Protein backbone atom coordinates (compact mmCIF):
# COMPACT_ATOMS: atom_id res chain seq x y z
CA MET A 1 -20.11 10.03 -10.85
CA GLN A 2 -17.10 8.91 -8.86
CA SER A 3 -13.98 11.05 -9.09
CA ALA A 4 -11.05 9.58 -10.98
CA HIS A 5 -9.00 10.10 -7.84
CA PRO A 6 -11.46 9.96 -4.93
CA ILE A 7 -8.69 9.76 -2.37
CA LEU A 8 -8.27 13.51 -2.83
CA GLU A 9 -11.90 14.34 -2.13
CA ALA A 10 -12.26 16.93 0.63
CA SER A 11 -8.48 16.86 1.16
CA PRO A 12 -6.77 19.39 3.38
CA SER A 13 -4.80 22.25 2.01
CA PRO A 14 -1.03 21.83 2.39
CA SER A 15 -1.02 24.32 5.25
CA ALA A 16 -3.89 22.82 7.23
CA GLY A 17 -3.12 21.35 10.64
CA GLY A 18 0.05 19.72 11.94
CA ALA A 19 3.46 21.35 11.92
CA ASP A 20 3.91 24.70 10.24
CA PRO A 21 5.89 24.90 6.95
CA ALA A 22 8.96 26.40 8.62
CA THR A 23 9.09 23.53 11.12
CA MET A 24 8.71 20.94 8.34
CA ASP A 25 11.48 22.55 6.30
CA ALA A 26 13.80 22.52 9.30
CA MET A 27 13.00 18.87 10.00
CA ALA A 28 13.70 17.95 6.36
CA MET A 29 17.09 19.68 6.51
CA GLU A 30 17.96 17.76 9.69
CA GLY A 31 16.83 14.44 8.16
CA THR A 32 14.07 14.00 10.77
CA VAL A 33 10.36 13.37 10.32
CA ALA A 34 7.28 14.06 12.42
CA ARG A 35 6.67 10.31 12.94
CA THR A 36 9.81 9.96 15.04
CA SER A 37 9.96 13.40 16.63
CA GLU A 38 6.39 14.46 17.51
CA PRO A 39 4.27 13.21 20.47
CA ALA A 40 1.57 10.60 19.82
CA TRP A 41 -1.37 12.97 20.37
CA LYS A 42 -0.04 15.43 17.84
CA LEU A 43 0.58 12.69 15.27
CA MET A 44 -3.01 11.45 15.70
CA LEU A 45 -4.44 14.92 15.20
CA GLN A 46 -2.21 15.47 12.18
CA ALA A 47 -3.21 12.15 10.61
CA ALA A 48 -6.93 12.61 11.29
CA GLY A 49 -7.29 16.14 9.95
CA THR A 50 -10.40 18.32 10.28
CA PRO A 51 -13.97 17.04 10.82
CA ARG A 52 -14.71 17.78 7.15
CA GLU A 53 -11.70 15.74 6.05
CA MET A 54 -12.69 12.89 8.37
CA ALA A 55 -16.19 12.83 6.87
CA GLY A 56 -14.63 12.44 3.43
CA LYS A 57 -12.56 9.53 4.70
CA VAL A 58 -15.67 7.79 6.02
CA ARG A 59 -17.37 8.19 2.62
CA ARG A 60 -14.34 6.73 0.84
CA LEU A 61 -14.20 3.81 3.28
CA ALA A 62 -17.88 3.03 2.62
CA SER A 63 -17.25 3.21 -1.12
CA ALA A 64 -14.29 0.85 -0.83
CA LEU A 65 -16.34 -1.69 1.16
CA LEU A 66 -19.17 -1.55 -1.38
CA THR A 67 -16.79 -2.53 -4.20
CA TYR A 68 -16.56 -6.02 -2.69
CA ALA A 69 -20.09 -6.63 -3.94
CA ARG A 70 -19.17 -5.60 -7.49
CA GLY A 71 -17.90 -8.74 -9.16
CA ASP A 72 -17.82 -7.06 -12.56
CA ALA A 73 -15.24 -4.53 -11.37
CA LEU A 74 -12.96 -7.29 -10.10
CA ASP A 75 -13.34 -9.32 -13.31
CA ALA A 76 -12.47 -6.29 -15.44
CA ARG A 77 -9.39 -5.53 -13.35
CA LEU A 78 -8.12 -9.11 -13.53
CA GLU A 79 -8.75 -9.30 -17.28
CA ARG A 80 -6.77 -6.12 -17.90
CA LEU A 81 -3.87 -7.43 -15.82
CA LYS A 82 -3.95 -10.66 -17.81
CA ARG A 83 -3.81 -8.70 -21.08
CA LEU A 84 -0.85 -6.76 -19.72
CA GLY A 85 0.94 -10.04 -19.03
CA TYR A 86 0.93 -9.85 -15.23
CA ILE A 87 -1.36 -12.85 -14.76
CA ASP A 88 -0.81 -16.18 -16.51
CA SER A 89 -3.88 -17.89 -15.12
CA VAL A 90 -6.61 -15.93 -13.34
CA PRO A 91 -7.18 -17.36 -9.82
CA THR A 92 -10.71 -18.24 -8.76
CA ARG A 93 -12.55 -16.00 -6.29
CA LEU A 94 -11.90 -18.52 -3.53
CA GLN A 95 -8.19 -18.65 -4.35
CA LEU A 96 -8.11 -14.85 -4.21
CA VAL A 97 -9.67 -14.91 -0.74
CA VAL A 98 -7.27 -17.55 0.57
CA GLY A 99 -4.33 -15.87 -1.14
CA SER A 100 -5.22 -12.52 0.39
CA ALA A 101 -5.30 -14.13 3.83
CA ASP A 102 -1.90 -15.77 3.26
CA MET A 103 -0.41 -12.54 1.94
CA LEU A 104 -1.61 -10.70 5.03
CA ARG A 105 -0.58 -13.26 7.65
CA PHE A 106 2.71 -14.50 6.15
CA TRP A 107 4.00 -11.39 4.41
CA ILE A 108 2.43 -7.98 5.00
CA VAL A 109 1.98 -8.10 8.78
CA PRO A 110 5.08 -10.05 9.92
CA ALA A 111 7.48 -8.25 7.55
CA ALA A 112 6.10 -4.85 8.54
CA LYS A 113 6.15 -5.66 12.25
CA ASP A 114 9.74 -6.88 12.01
CA TYR A 115 10.75 -3.67 10.22
CA TYR A 116 9.04 -1.29 12.64
CA ASP A 117 10.23 -3.22 15.70
CA SER A 118 13.82 -2.96 14.43
CA HIS A 119 13.37 0.82 14.17
CA GLY A 120 11.83 1.17 17.62
CA ILE A 121 8.39 2.09 16.24
CA ASP A 122 5.23 0.69 17.79
CA PHE A 123 3.56 -1.38 15.06
CA GLY A 124 0.07 -1.17 16.56
CA PHE A 125 0.15 2.60 16.90
CA HIS A 126 1.48 2.84 13.36
CA GLN A 127 -1.67 1.09 12.10
CA VAL A 128 -3.81 3.53 14.11
CA LEU A 129 -2.12 6.43 12.32
CA ARG A 130 -2.62 4.75 8.94
CA PHE A 131 -6.30 4.26 9.69
CA LEU A 132 -6.72 7.88 10.78
CA ASP A 133 -4.96 9.10 7.63
CA GLU A 134 -7.01 6.99 5.20
CA PRO A 135 -9.08 4.02 6.46
CA ALA A 136 -9.96 2.91 2.92
CA SER A 137 -6.31 1.99 2.33
CA LEU A 138 -6.51 -0.83 4.90
CA VAL A 139 -9.47 -2.87 3.65
CA ASP A 140 -8.04 -4.44 0.48
CA PRO A 141 -4.76 -6.39 0.97
CA THR A 142 -4.39 -7.37 -2.70
CA GLY A 143 -5.43 -3.96 -4.05
CA PHE A 144 -7.65 -5.42 -6.78
CA LEU A 145 -10.68 -3.47 -5.60
CA SER A 146 -8.82 -0.27 -4.79
CA THR A 147 -9.12 2.97 -6.74
CA THR A 148 -6.15 4.69 -8.36
CA GLY A 149 -6.14 7.17 -5.50
CA ASN A 150 -6.20 4.49 -2.79
CA ILE A 151 -3.23 2.65 -4.30
CA ILE A 152 -1.25 5.86 -4.70
CA GLY A 153 -2.11 7.01 -1.19
CA HIS A 154 -1.05 3.63 0.20
CA LEU A 155 2.24 3.75 -1.70
CA MET A 156 3.05 7.17 -0.27
CA GLN A 157 1.80 6.31 3.22
CA VAL A 158 3.87 3.15 3.82
CA VAL A 159 7.58 2.44 3.33
CA HIS A 160 7.06 -0.55 1.05
CA ALA A 161 8.92 -3.83 1.30
CA ASN A 162 8.83 -3.92 -2.50
CA PRO A 163 6.78 -1.33 -4.42
CA ALA A 164 6.88 -3.36 -7.66
CA TYR A 165 3.57 -5.12 -6.85
CA ASP A 166 1.73 -1.81 -6.46
CA LEU A 167 3.19 -0.24 -9.61
CA GLN A 168 2.20 -3.32 -11.61
CA LEU A 169 -1.27 -3.13 -10.07
CA LEU A 170 -1.52 0.55 -11.04
CA GLU A 171 -1.15 -0.44 -14.69
CA SER A 172 -4.69 -1.80 -14.53
CA HIS A 173 -5.78 1.83 -14.07
CA GLU A 174 -5.53 4.13 -17.08
CA GLY A 175 -2.85 6.76 -16.41
CA GLY A 176 -2.14 5.34 -12.96
CA LEU A 177 1.65 5.44 -13.18
CA GLU A 178 1.71 9.01 -14.45
CA GLU A 179 -0.64 10.08 -11.66
CA LEU A 180 1.61 8.38 -9.11
CA GLU A 181 4.64 10.24 -10.44
CA ARG A 182 2.78 13.55 -10.25
CA GLN A 183 1.61 13.00 -6.67
CA VAL A 184 5.00 11.86 -5.37
CA GLU A 185 6.50 15.01 -6.91
CA GLN A 186 3.89 17.00 -4.98
CA MET A 187 4.77 15.19 -1.74
CA LEU A 188 8.42 16.09 -2.17
CA ALA A 189 7.53 19.70 -2.97
CA GLY A 190 5.25 19.90 0.08
CA THR A 191 2.25 20.83 -2.05
CA HIS A 192 0.32 17.54 -1.94
CA ALA A 193 -3.10 17.70 -0.27
CA ARG A 194 -2.08 14.96 2.19
CA THR A 195 1.40 16.27 2.99
CA ARG A 196 0.58 16.78 6.69
CA SER A 197 -1.29 13.52 7.29
CA ILE A 198 1.20 11.32 5.43
CA GLY A 199 3.99 13.21 7.17
CA ALA A 200 2.61 11.95 10.48
CA ILE A 201 3.14 8.34 9.36
CA VAL A 202 6.22 7.90 7.15
CA GLU A 203 9.29 7.42 9.32
CA ASP A 204 11.93 7.41 6.55
CA PRO A 205 12.79 10.93 5.33
CA ASP A 206 14.26 9.58 2.08
CA TYR A 207 11.43 7.21 1.16
CA HIS A 208 9.53 9.48 -1.22
CA GLN A 209 12.70 10.42 -3.08
CA ARG A 210 13.53 6.74 -3.61
CA LEU A 211 9.96 6.03 -4.64
CA LEU A 212 9.99 8.81 -7.22
CA GLY A 213 13.26 7.53 -8.68
CA TYR A 214 11.81 4.02 -9.00
CA VAL A 215 8.56 5.26 -10.56
CA ARG A 216 10.49 7.13 -13.23
CA ASP A 217 12.78 4.15 -13.85
CA TYR A 218 9.78 1.81 -14.03
CA ILE A 219 7.94 3.99 -16.56
CA ARG A 220 11.01 3.80 -18.80
CA ASP A 221 11.76 0.13 -18.12
CA ARG A 222 9.30 -2.31 -16.53
CA GLY A 223 12.26 -4.46 -15.49
CA ALA A 224 13.84 -1.73 -13.36
CA ASP A 225 15.16 -2.85 -9.97
CA ALA A 226 12.79 -1.99 -7.15
CA PRO A 227 14.11 -0.43 -3.92
CA LYS A 228 13.45 -3.10 -1.31
CA ARG A 229 13.01 -2.42 2.38
CA ASP A 230 16.13 -3.36 4.33
CA ASN A 231 14.61 -6.29 6.25
CA VAL A 232 13.10 -8.30 3.38
CA THR A 233 16.34 -9.64 1.93
CA SER A 234 16.98 -11.61 5.12
CA GLU A 235 16.91 -15.41 5.16
CA ARG A 236 13.54 -15.29 6.91
CA PHE A 237 11.73 -13.07 4.43
CA ALA A 238 13.59 -13.47 1.10
CA PRO A 239 11.55 -16.48 -0.18
CA ILE A 240 8.30 -14.83 0.94
CA GLU A 241 9.29 -11.56 -0.78
CA ARG A 242 10.00 -13.48 -4.01
CA THR A 243 6.45 -14.87 -3.77
CA PHE A 244 4.46 -11.76 -2.84
CA GLY A 245 6.77 -8.91 -3.88
CA THR A 246 5.57 -8.79 -7.48
CA LEU A 247 2.11 -9.21 -8.95
CA PRO A 248 2.95 -12.08 -11.38
CA ALA A 249 4.63 -14.12 -8.62
CA ALA A 250 1.76 -13.51 -6.19
CA MET A 251 -0.82 -14.56 -8.79
CA ARG A 252 1.08 -17.76 -9.53
CA TYR A 253 0.99 -18.53 -5.81
CA PHE A 254 -2.72 -17.77 -5.61
CA ALA A 255 -3.42 -20.09 -8.55
CA LYS A 256 -1.77 -22.99 -6.66
CA LEU A 257 -4.07 -22.62 -3.65
CA PRO A 258 -7.14 -24.80 -2.93
CA SER A 259 -10.15 -24.07 -5.14
CA THR A 260 -12.88 -25.87 -3.18
CA PRO A 261 -14.47 -24.58 0.04
CA LEU A 262 -13.46 -27.59 2.16
CA ALA A 263 -9.84 -27.59 0.99
CA ALA A 264 -9.63 -23.81 1.39
CA ALA A 265 -10.95 -24.01 4.97
CA ARG A 266 -8.48 -26.77 5.76
CA HIS A 267 -5.62 -24.66 4.39
CA LEU A 268 -6.57 -21.61 6.44
CA LEU A 269 -7.08 -23.62 9.63
CA THR A 270 -4.05 -25.94 9.46
CA VAL A 271 -1.32 -24.08 7.54
CA ASP A 272 0.22 -21.76 10.12
CA GLU A 273 3.62 -21.18 8.48
CA PHE A 274 4.43 -19.95 5.01
CA PRO A 275 4.26 -23.02 2.68
CA LEU A 276 7.70 -23.03 1.07
CA ALA A 277 6.57 -25.75 -1.33
CA LEU A 278 4.32 -23.18 -3.02
CA ALA A 279 6.92 -20.39 -2.98
CA GLU A 280 8.11 -18.63 -6.12
CA ARG A 281 11.40 -20.10 -7.30
């Protein structure tokens, strides 16, 4: 039987690998993080972990890829989100595929690259570190087929443009929000199983504190304001963020996309800029 939180399977102890606790405490006091202060080779080793931990990551990646063949799991997830009020009209499978591609090429990748470039961080190397830390977190752009643990790990691994989407997605997992709160508390306390590996990736020393504050606010009030990344309120990204930054808005966009194979192929091959006409108003 699969663990409720498989992302933690074969996880390292908080003291395994990477910088020692005294070094991490000193870096926290100075407002620095390993991602911007350690050499590339050390970051890669820290993100990858031990051979045993890497074997666990490979198993979780295989499990994540196998979920693509499980249509019943996707249907159940979408139905629960509809009952929760996050989806007005459930997109077709084809619309989900096209929507995932649009989300990746118009929102996730360009907004992230813009952010990391502005902070002098190599975007390509950043993805290498993310893959070494947890490859399963990179194979599902929409998150519909991700486990509770994968979504939580992704939230803690990446400074999010808008974490609202992921918190809304977590509501399709029983106890997901409470588990997220618990794990972010552990990250801040330095006791989380992935403290070292996530510490090799996250470049903002205040990110987890902001995330915890938002999680607690969101649990109390689903309308709580989300902490948005500093580059997504720009003229370039604001309309795209309004479309993909929350689950209901993204699903409304998906539902407007082509629903036949020919039209879907035409959209993917000919639409090379974000279609403002379909944007969330």
